Protein backbone atom coordinates (compact mmCIF):
# COMPACT_ATOMS: atom_id res chain seq x y z
CA MET A 1 0.00 0.00 0.00
CA ASP A 2 1.34 3.44 -1.02
CA THR A 3 0.96 5.09 2.41
CA LEU A 4 2.59 8.34 3.51
CA LYS A 5 4.02 9.12 6.93
CA GLY A 6 1.77 11.85 8.35
CA SER A 7 3.27 15.05 9.75
CA MET A 8 2.13 16.89 12.86
CA GLU A 9 1.01 19.83 10.70
CA THR A 10 -1.32 17.61 8.70
CA LEU A 11 -2.65 16.00 11.87
CA SER A 12 -3.31 19.50 13.19
CA SER A 13 -5.20 20.52 10.05
CA PHE A 14 -7.39 17.42 10.29
CA GLN A 15 -8.25 18.20 13.89
CA LEU A 16 -8.94 21.87 13.20
CA THR A 17 -11.30 20.93 10.34
CA GLU A 18 -13.12 18.16 12.19
CA ASN A 19 -16.60 19.60 11.71
CA MET A 20 -16.12 20.98 8.18
CA LYS A 21 -19.58 22.57 8.11
CA GLY A 22 -18.38 25.20 5.71
CA LEU A 23 -15.78 24.58 3.08
CA ASP A 24 -13.72 27.54 1.93
CA THR A 25 -11.40 28.48 4.80
CA GLN A 26 -11.34 25.00 6.33
CA SER A 27 -10.56 23.20 3.09
CA LYS A 28 -7.76 25.64 2.29
CA LEU A 29 -6.14 24.65 5.58
CA LEU A 30 -6.32 20.99 4.54
CA LEU A 31 -4.95 21.69 1.08
CA HIS A 32 -1.83 23.34 2.46
CA SER A 33 -0.76 19.82 3.52
CA LYS A 34 1.62 18.26 1.00
CA GLU A 35 0.38 14.81 2.11
CA VAL A 36 -3.21 15.71 1.18
CA LEU A 37 -2.12 17.33 -2.08
CA SER A 38 -0.09 14.26 -3.06
CA VAL A 39 -3.18 12.02 -2.77
CA ILE A 40 -5.18 14.44 -4.95
CA LEU A 41 -2.42 14.85 -7.53
CA GLN A 42 -1.79 11.13 -7.83
CA GLY A 43 -5.44 10.66 -8.76
CA THR A 44 -5.76 13.61 -11.16
CA VAL A 45 -2.44 14.56 -12.80
CA ARG A 46 -1.57 12.28 -15.71
CA GLU A 47 2.14 13.02 -15.36
CA TYR A 48 2.08 11.57 -11.82
CA LYS A 49 0.14 8.35 -12.37
CA ARG A 50 3.20 6.09 -12.09
CA TYR A 51 4.75 7.86 -9.12
CA SER A 52 4.28 7.17 -5.42
CA LYS A 53 2.69 9.72 -3.10
CA LYS A 54 6.07 10.25 -1.43
CA GLU A 55 7.69 11.02 -4.79
CA ILE A 56 4.86 13.43 -5.64
CA MET A 57 5.35 15.22 -2.31
CA GLY A 58 8.95 15.77 -3.40
CA PHE A 59 7.78 17.30 -6.69
CA ILE A 60 5.71 20.02 -4.94
CA GLU A 61 7.47 23.33 -4.37
CA ALA A 62 6.34 24.18 -0.83
CA ASP A 63 7.43 27.82 -1.10
CA SER A 64 5.27 28.34 -4.19
CA ILE A 65 1.98 27.50 -2.43
CA SER A 66 -0.25 30.56 -2.32
CA GLU A 67 -3.91 31.36 -1.79
CA ASP A 68 -3.60 35.13 -2.19
CA THR A 69 -3.01 35.53 -5.92
CA GLU A 70 -5.68 37.19 -8.02
CA VAL A 71 -7.13 35.48 -11.07
CA SER A 72 -7.86 38.81 -12.77
CA PRO A 73 -4.90 41.11 -12.23
CA GLY A 74 -6.09 43.67 -14.78
CA ARG A 75 -3.07 42.85 -16.92
CA THR A 76 -2.64 39.30 -18.13
CA ASN A 77 1.11 39.61 -18.53
CA THR A 78 1.85 39.51 -14.81
CA ALA A 79 3.92 36.64 -13.47
CA ILE A 80 2.08 34.60 -10.86
CA THR A 81 4.39 33.20 -8.21
CA GLY A 82 3.95 31.61 -4.83
CA ASP A 83 4.29 34.99 -3.13
CA ASN A 84 1.35 36.72 -1.46
CA THR A 85 1.09 39.21 -4.32
CA GLU A 86 -1.74 41.72 -4.37
CA TYR A 87 -2.71 43.12 -7.76
CA LYS A 88 -4.45 46.50 -7.96
CA LEU A 89 -7.16 46.61 -10.58
CA LEU A 90 -9.22 49.10 -12.52
CA ASN A 91 -12.77 48.11 -13.48
CA GLU A 92 -12.15 44.40 -12.94
CA LYS A 93 -13.54 42.22 -10.16
CA ALA A 94 -10.90 40.92 -7.76
CA THR A 95 -11.07 37.12 -7.81
CA GLN A 96 -8.45 34.91 -6.17
CA PHE A 97 -7.20 31.44 -6.90
CA ASP A 98 -8.03 29.24 -3.91
CA LEU A 99 -4.65 27.50 -3.94
CA ILE A 100 -1.90 27.63 -6.55
CA PHE A 101 1.58 26.15 -6.60
CA ARG A 102 4.28 24.79 -8.87
CA ALA A 103 5.47 21.20 -9.07
CA LEU A 104 8.04 19.31 -11.09
CA ASN A 105 6.96 17.86 -14.44
CA PRO A 106 8.92 14.57 -14.44
CA GLU A 107 7.97 13.72 -18.05
CA LEU A 108 9.71 16.74 -19.55
CA THR A 109 12.46 17.44 -17.00
CA LYS A 110 15.93 16.44 -18.18
CA SER A 111 19.25 16.53 -16.35
CA SER A 112 19.96 20.10 -17.46
CA ILE A 113 16.38 21.37 -17.96
CA ILE A 114 13.76 21.60 -15.22
CA VAL A 115 10.14 21.89 -16.36
CA LYS A 116 7.29 22.70 -13.96
CA LEU A 117 3.57 22.16 -13.78
CA HIS A 118 1.45 25.11 -12.63
CA ILE A 119 -1.39 23.74 -10.52
CA ASP A 120 -4.54 25.36 -9.18
CA VAL A 121 -6.79 23.49 -6.70
CA GLU A 122 -10.29 24.92 -6.16
CA PRO A 123 -12.54 23.47 -3.43
CA GLN A 124 -16.10 24.39 -4.43
CA LYS A 125 -19.04 23.95 -2.05
CA GLU A 126 -21.73 24.08 -4.77
CA TYR A 127 -21.54 22.52 -8.23
CA SER A 128 -24.89 23.73 -9.59
CA LEU A 129 -24.37 27.47 -9.99
CA PRO A 130 -25.84 30.18 -12.28
CA TYR A 131 -22.86 29.55 -14.58
CA PRO A 132 -21.03 26.33 -15.61
CA VAL A 133 -18.14 25.47 -13.29
CA GLU A 134 -16.31 24.12 -16.35
CA LYS A 135 -16.27 27.53 -18.05
CA ARG A 136 -14.93 29.18 -14.93
CA GLY A 137 -12.25 26.52 -14.72
CA MET A 138 -11.16 27.14 -18.32
CA TYR A 139 -10.98 30.88 -17.62
CA TYR A 140 -8.73 30.21 -14.61
CA LEU A 141 -6.50 28.04 -16.79
CA ALA A 142 -6.21 30.73 -19.45
CA ARG A 143 -5.18 33.29 -16.82
CA ARG A 144 -2.70 30.89 -15.25
CA LEU A 145 -1.11 30.18 -18.64
CA SER A 146 -0.90 33.80 -19.81
CA SER A 147 0.53 34.95 -16.49
CA GLN A 148 3.73 32.98 -17.11
CA LEU A 149 4.94 35.52 -19.64
CA SER A 150 6.12 39.05 -18.98
CA LEU A 151 5.15 41.87 -21.34
CA VAL A 152 4.77 40.31 -24.79
CA THR A 153 7.15 41.66 -27.44
CA GLU A 154 8.61 40.46 -30.71
CA GLN A 155 11.28 38.70 -28.67
CA THR A 156 8.82 36.80 -26.44
CA ASP A 157 9.73 33.10 -26.24
CA TYR A 158 6.42 31.22 -26.17
CA GLY A 159 8.41 28.00 -25.89
CA GLN A 160 8.84 28.84 -22.19
CA LEU A 161 5.15 28.23 -21.46
CA GLU A 162 4.56 25.32 -19.08
CA LYS A 163 1.47 23.16 -18.60
CA CYS A 164 -1.31 24.25 -16.23
CA TYR A 165 -3.80 22.16 -14.26
CA SER A 166 -6.97 23.44 -12.62
CA ILE A 167 -8.51 20.88 -10.24
CA TRP A 168 -12.02 21.62 -8.95
CA ILE A 169 -13.40 19.63 -6.02
CA CYS A 170 -17.17 20.17 -5.86
CA ARG A 171 -18.88 18.96 -2.71
CA ASP A 172 -22.62 19.67 -2.61
CA ASN A 173 -25.67 20.28 -4.80
CA ILE A 174 -24.66 17.80 -7.48
CA PRO A 175 -27.23 15.97 -9.67
CA GLU A 176 -27.64 12.39 -8.47
CA ASN A 177 -26.47 10.82 -11.73
CA GLU A 178 -23.23 12.86 -11.59
CA GLN A 179 -22.28 12.25 -7.96
CA TYR A 180 -18.85 10.71 -7.29
CA SER A 181 -17.51 11.23 -10.79
CA ILE A 182 -14.40 12.81 -12.31
CA SER A 183 -14.32 14.70 -15.62
CA VAL A 184 -11.11 15.67 -17.42
CA TYR A 185 -10.95 18.30 -20.17
CA GLU A 186 -7.74 18.87 -22.11
CA THR A 187 -6.32 20.04 -25.42
CA VAL A 188 -6.01 17.31 -28.07
CA ASN A 189 -4.98 17.18 -31.73
CA THR A 190 -8.20 16.06 -33.47
CA GLN A 191 -7.00 16.38 -37.07
CA ASN A 192 -3.54 16.26 -38.59
CA THR A 193 -2.96 15.91 -42.35
CA SER A 194 0.75 16.55 -42.00
CA ARG A 195 3.14 13.64 -42.33
CA LYS A 196 4.89 14.77 -39.18
CA GLU A 197 3.00 14.75 -35.90
CA THR A 198 3.42 17.79 -33.65
CA PRO A 199 4.95 16.89 -30.26
CA LYS A 200 2.18 16.78 -27.68
CA GLU A 201 4.04 19.02 -25.22
CA ASN A 202 3.73 21.87 -27.77
CA TYR A 203 -0.06 22.12 -27.33
CA ASP A 204 -0.87 20.09 -24.21
CA LEU A 205 -0.82 23.17 -21.97
CA MET A 206 -4.17 23.20 -20.13
CA THR A 207 -6.04 20.43 -18.30
CA LEU A 208 -9.23 20.97 -16.30
CA VAL A 209 -10.28 18.32 -13.76
CA VAL A 210 -13.74 18.52 -12.17
CA ILE A 211 -14.32 16.18 -9.23
CA LYS A 212 -17.95 15.84 -8.11
CA LEU A 213 -18.62 14.39 -4.68
CA GLY A 214 -22.20 14.99 -3.62
CA ASN A 215 -23.10 13.12 -0.46
CA ILE A 216 -21.62 12.36 2.94
CA VAL A 217 -21.91 8.64 2.12
CA TYR A 218 -19.76 7.10 -0.60
CA ASN A 219 -20.70 3.60 -1.66
CA GLY A 220 -17.89 2.90 -4.10
CA GLU A 221 -16.12 -0.45 -4.13
CA LYS A 222 -12.37 -1.04 -3.90
CA GLY A 223 -10.92 -1.69 -7.32
CA GLU A 224 -13.31 0.67 -9.08
CA GLU A 225 -11.82 3.46 -11.18
CA ASN A 226 -10.95 6.52 -9.06
CA TYR A 227 -12.02 4.72 -5.85
CA ASP A 228 -8.97 5.77 -3.81
CA LEU A 229 -9.28 9.47 -4.63
CA LEU A 230 -13.07 9.63 -4.15
CA HIS A 231 -12.92 7.60 -0.94
CA PHE A 232 -10.22 9.88 0.48
CA LEU A 233 -11.98 13.12 -0.49
CA ASN A 234 -15.29 11.86 0.88
CA THR A 235 -13.54 11.26 4.19
CA VAL A 236 -11.70 14.58 4.55
CA MET A 237 -14.10 17.04 2.88
CA TYR A 238 -17.12 16.34 5.09
CA PRO A 239 -17.58 16.38 8.90
CA HIS A 240 -15.49 13.57 10.37
CA LYS A 241 -17.13 10.23 10.95
CA ALA A 242 -16.35 7.79 13.79
CA ASP A 243 -13.92 5.82 11.61
CA PHE A 244 -12.15 8.93 10.28
CA ILE A 245 -8.63 8.19 11.48
CA LYS A 246 -8.88 4.53 10.44
CA THR A 247 -9.93 5.49 6.92
CA VAL A 248 -7.38 8.30 6.52
CA SER A 249 -4.61 5.97 7.74
CA GLU A 250 -5.06 3.93 4.55
CA TYR A 251 -3.45 6.91 2.80
CA ILE A 252 -1.55 8.83 5.49
CA ASP A 253 -0.06 6.93 8.44
CA PHE A 254 -0.37 8.66 11.82
CA SER A 255 0.63 5.63 13.90
CA GLU A 256 3.54 7.52 15.48
CA THR A 257 1.14 10.19 16.76
CA GLU A 258 -1.85 7.91 17.40
CA GLU A 259 -1.99 8.60 21.13
CA LEU A 260 -2.02 12.35 20.56
CA TRP A 261 -4.88 11.91 18.10
CA LYS A 262 -6.91 9.80 20.51
CA GLU A 263 -6.47 12.30 23.31
CA ALA A 264 -7.15 15.36 21.21
CA SER A 265 -10.10 14.01 19.21
CA GLU A 266 -12.45 14.50 22.13
CA VAL A 267 -12.33 18.27 21.63
CA THR A 268 -11.62 20.46 18.61
CA GLY A 269 -8.07 21.64 17.93
CA LEU A 270 -4.62 20.19 18.30
CA GLY A 271 -3.34 20.07 21.87
CA GLN A 272 -6.65 20.82 23.54
CA CYS A 273 -6.52 17.47 25.26
CA VAL A 274 -4.82 19.49 28.00
CA TYR A 275 -8.34 20.67 28.70
CA ASN A 276 -9.15 17.21 30.08
CA ASP A 277 -6.36 17.47 32.63
CA GLY A 278 -7.68 20.75 33.91
CA LYS A 279 -11.22 19.42 34.05
CA MET A 280 -10.16 16.39 36.07
CA GLU A 281 -8.30 18.57 38.54
CA GLY A 282 -11.46 20.60 38.98
CA ARG A 283 -13.50 17.47 39.65
CA GLU A 284 -11.03 16.18 42.19
CA GLU A 285 -11.22 19.45 44.04
CA GLY A 286 -15.00 19.26 43.86
CA ARG A 287 -15.42 22.88 42.80
CA VAL A 288 -17.13 24.35 39.74
CA GLU A 289 -14.48 27.05 39.67
CA GLY A 290 -11.77 24.45 39.24
CA ARG A 291 -13.58 22.90 36.29
CA GLU A 292 -14.02 26.24 34.56
CA GLU A 293 -10.39 27.16 35.15
CA GLY A 294 -9.37 23.79 33.74
CA ARG A 295 -11.45 24.35 30.63
CA GLU A 296 -10.00 27.79 30.00
CA GLU A 297 -6.45 26.65 30.69
CA GLY A 298 -6.91 23.73 28.30
CA ARG A 299 -8.22 25.99 25.56
CA VAL A 300 -5.30 28.39 25.88
CA GLU A 301 -2.64 25.69 26.06
CA GLY A 302 -4.24 23.71 23.24
CA ARG A 303 -4.33 26.77 21.01
CA GLU A 304 -0.69 27.55 21.74
CA GLU A 305 0.32 23.96 20.97
CA GLY A 306 -1.40 24.23 17.58
CA ILE A 307 0.48 27.47 16.91
CA ARG A 308 3.76 25.85 18.00
CA VAL A 309 3.25 22.91 15.61
CA LEU A 310 2.46 25.20 12.68
CA VAL A 311 5.61 27.28 13.34
CA LEU A 312 7.97 24.32 13.78
CA ASP A 313 6.60 22.35 10.82
CA GLY A 314 6.77 25.48 8.66
CA ILE A 315 10.42 26.00 9.57
CA ALA A 316 11.15 22.31 8.93
CA GLU A 317 9.58 22.67 5.46
CA GLN A 318 11.77 25.79 4.89
CA VAL A 319 8.75 28.06 4.61
CA SER A 320 9.69 31.72 5.00
CA ARG A 321 9.12 33.61 8.25
CA GLU A 322 6.70 35.98 6.51
CA ARG A 323 4.51 33.15 5.19
CA ILE A 324 4.38 31.38 8.55
CA ILE A 325 3.37 34.62 10.27
CA ASP A 326 0.72 35.16 7.60
CA LYS A 327 -0.65 31.65 8.26
CA LEU A 328 -0.78 32.28 12.00
CA GLN A 329 -2.80 35.44 11.44
CA ARG A 330 -5.30 33.70 9.17
CA TYR A 331 -5.72 30.35 10.90
CA PHE A 332 -5.66 31.58 14.50
CA LYS A 333 -7.13 35.08 13.99
CA LEU A 334 -4.02 36.78 15.43
CA THR A 335 -2.80 40.32 14.99
CA ALA A 336 0.49 40.74 13.11
CA GLU A 337 2.22 41.67 16.36
CA LYS A 338 0.88 38.61 18.20
CA ALA A 339 1.78 36.29 15.31
CA GLU A 340 5.34 37.62 15.27
CA HIS A 341 5.54 37.12 19.04
CA TYR A 342 4.51 33.45 18.75
CA TYR A 343 6.88 32.87 15.82
CA ASP A 344 9.85 34.26 17.72
CA MET A 345 8.86 32.31 20.83
CA PHE A 346 8.68 28.90 19.15
CA ALA A 347 11.29 29.37 16.36
CA SER A 348 14.03 29.07 18.98
CA GLU A 349 13.07 25.39 19.37
CA ALA A 350 13.80 24.62 15.71
């Protein structure tokens, strides 16, 4: 079985998204995990079909992961990178990619030439919208492709363009006959009267993948096409079921942190199992005040442990200080000053 060793950061994201009643912010937290991304990419990216999840994790450029890049920058010739770039627009709606990053293209990379894939992952709560999701996906792909070039001139080298993927994971409001299906749209050469066939890499530049879930219960059978991907997404994209950790462990192994999971799963958030210690102390003392103090102490310590894990795992993954601080602000609702304080406090342990 192609199973990954789960990191503390991924364990934390699973615990923080346990209820998953919404989708947007919570799913973005999940998708920042390279373990989760590797499962999705293995099931959707043709170039990765013959690679293990561990190898795919190695292909992902962690520093390129961004959720703050606008789809419509007002000028198509603006390079999109993994930085938290803000584009200022005139008369154009500000729309952001949910999660974009770069990853190695092993099919085209040679010893002296490195070729990347530009990947966009879009968790979508509703599939049935006033407009077709597929058209929106193609628009995102066009923007992602055009953004690779600087200002176009007579000297522009279009040969530098690299392939783009847009992967849409639609959760709810899906017609019954389309639930738990995957659709792939890509550029193909449908007619060629020339004696010489054009190399596929010259036109195979955009692939749209639309994954439709649709229900909290998935009745697929092992061995069916796309079973592993659909089974995994059904498990992590909905509120956790009783067998959550058992199911996820088929893909990501948390055996080394199993005890922490068991303790922390009784309340929401990594490290909040400390709350139980405080509550027991309050019971032993026989005072309501002790119980309440234990609860509050557990919440505070559990929150700080989650922050500590995010900081240390980020440093271990060589994520920049600025990006880690940005994550702390968004995930834990901290001010910039408070996030910097926590970073400096825990970075010394790295």
